Amino acid sequence: MLILALRPVHAETGIAVFYGGGRTASGEVSGPNGLTAAHRTLPFGTKVLVTNVRNGRPSSFASTIAGHIDLSLAAARELDMIRVGATRVSVVPQ
């Protein structure tokens, strides 16, 4: 018998921007090469899947700072949003 535990998935859509790094609200130091994000309501360490709505490119990483969805430079690079600076994304906690 196979039993699957399902948890509700809450997806959000909003605007993402990126930052160059620095000390985070959790006390960690985030550099431009780490895959991190800031989110207003998700707890520190929540893994998220962020997808660029315009081009469908996904990136999966941990949210380490509280705040709106600000992405590290590395995450923005994976989402191919460096040239535009801000883009509409979908955020799904994993």
Protein backbone atom coordinates (compact mmCIF):
# COMPACT_ATOMS: atom_id res chain seq x y z
CA MET A 1 0.00 0.00 0.00
CA LEU A 2 1.34 3.42 -0.94
CA ILE A 3 0.37 6.35 1.26
CA LEU A 4 1.12 9.89 0.15
CA ALA A 5 1.09 12.82 2.53
CA LEU A 6 -0.04 15.90 0.70
CA ARG A 7 0.27 19.43 1.97
CA PRO A 8 -1.58 22.37 0.51
CA VAL A 9 0.44 24.41 -1.96
CA HIS A 10 0.05 28.15 -1.76
CA ALA A 11 1.32 29.92 -4.86
CA GLU A 12 1.78 33.67 -5.03
CA THR A 13 2.42 35.87 -8.01
CA GLY A 14 4.24 39.17 -7.66
CA ILE A 15 7.22 41.24 -8.68
CA ALA A 16 10.76 40.12 -7.91
CA VAL A 17 13.87 42.30 -7.81
CA PHE A 18 17.45 41.33 -7.01
CA TYR A 19 20.11 42.60 -4.62
CA GLY A 20 23.88 42.28 -4.34
CA GLY A 21 24.08 40.66 -0.92
CA GLY A 22 24.96 41.69 2.62
CA ARG A 23 23.87 40.77 6.14
CA THR A 24 20.37 39.30 6.24
CA ALA A 25 17.61 39.66 8.82
CA SER A 26 18.44 36.14 10.04
CA GLY A 27 22.04 37.22 10.73
CA GLU A 28 23.56 35.29 7.83
CA VAL A 29 25.79 36.95 5.26
CA SER A 30 24.46 36.59 1.73
CA GLY A 31 26.71 37.09 -1.26
CA PRO A 32 25.77 37.53 -4.91
CA ASN A 33 26.46 33.84 -5.69
CA GLY A 34 24.15 32.30 -3.08
CA LEU A 35 20.67 31.22 -4.10
CA THR A 36 18.62 33.12 -1.53
CA ALA A 37 15.53 35.27 -1.37
CA ALA A 38 13.73 37.59 0.99
CA HIS A 39 10.01 37.12 1.56
CA ARG A 40 7.54 39.03 3.74
CA THR A 41 5.62 36.10 5.25
CA LEU A 42 7.57 32.86 4.75
CA PRO A 43 9.69 31.68 7.71
CA PHE A 44 13.51 31.68 7.48
CA GLY A 45 14.82 28.62 5.64
CA THR A 46 11.62 27.91 3.68
CA LYS A 47 12.53 26.33 0.37
CA VAL A 48 10.73 28.00 -2.53
CA LEU A 49 10.34 27.43 -6.24
CA VAL A 50 10.33 30.78 -8.03
CA THR A 51 9.37 30.85 -11.70
CA ASN A 52 9.79 33.79 -14.06
CA VAL A 53 6.26 34.17 -15.44
CA ARG A 54 7.49 35.88 -18.61
CA ASN A 55 9.84 33.12 -19.76
CA GLY A 56 8.95 30.08 -17.61
CA ARG A 57 12.47 29.71 -16.17
CA PRO A 58 12.43 28.21 -12.66
CA SER A 59 14.86 28.47 -9.74
CA SER A 60 14.64 26.55 -6.46
CA PHE A 61 16.31 27.87 -3.31
CA ALA A 62 15.87 28.72 0.36
CA SER A 63 14.25 31.90 1.63
CA THR A 64 16.63 33.11 4.34
CA ILE A 65 15.37 36.59 5.01
CA ALA A 66 11.97 37.98 5.87
CA GLY A 67 10.67 40.65 3.53
CA HIS A 68 9.11 40.79 0.06
CA ILE A 69 10.60 38.64 -2.67
CA ASP A 70 14.05 40.06 -3.25
CA LEU A 71 16.36 37.63 -5.01
CA SER A 72 20.10 37.19 -4.86
CA LEU A 73 22.05 37.96 -8.02
CA ALA A 74 22.57 34.22 -8.61
CA ALA A 75 18.83 33.51 -8.36
CA ALA A 76 18.07 36.43 -10.70
CA ARG A 77 20.63 35.04 -13.15
CA GLU A 78 18.90 31.62 -13.11
CA LEU A 79 15.57 33.34 -13.80
CA ASP A 80 17.15 35.34 -16.65
CA MET A 81 16.01 38.69 -15.25
CA ILE A 82 19.30 40.58 -14.91
CA ARG A 83 18.68 42.88 -17.88
CA VAL A 84 15.18 43.88 -16.81
CA GLY A 85 15.95 44.22 -13.07
CA ALA A 86 12.43 43.29 -11.97
CA THR A 87 9.98 40.73 -13.29
CA ARG A 88 6.70 39.02 -12.44
CA VAL A 89 7.28 35.68 -10.71
CA SER A 90 5.32 32.83 -9.19
CA VAL A 91 6.48 31.73 -5.70
CA VAL A 92 5.56 28.26 -4.40
CA PRO A 93 6.80 27.00 -0.99
CA GLN A 94 8.24 23.48 -1.32
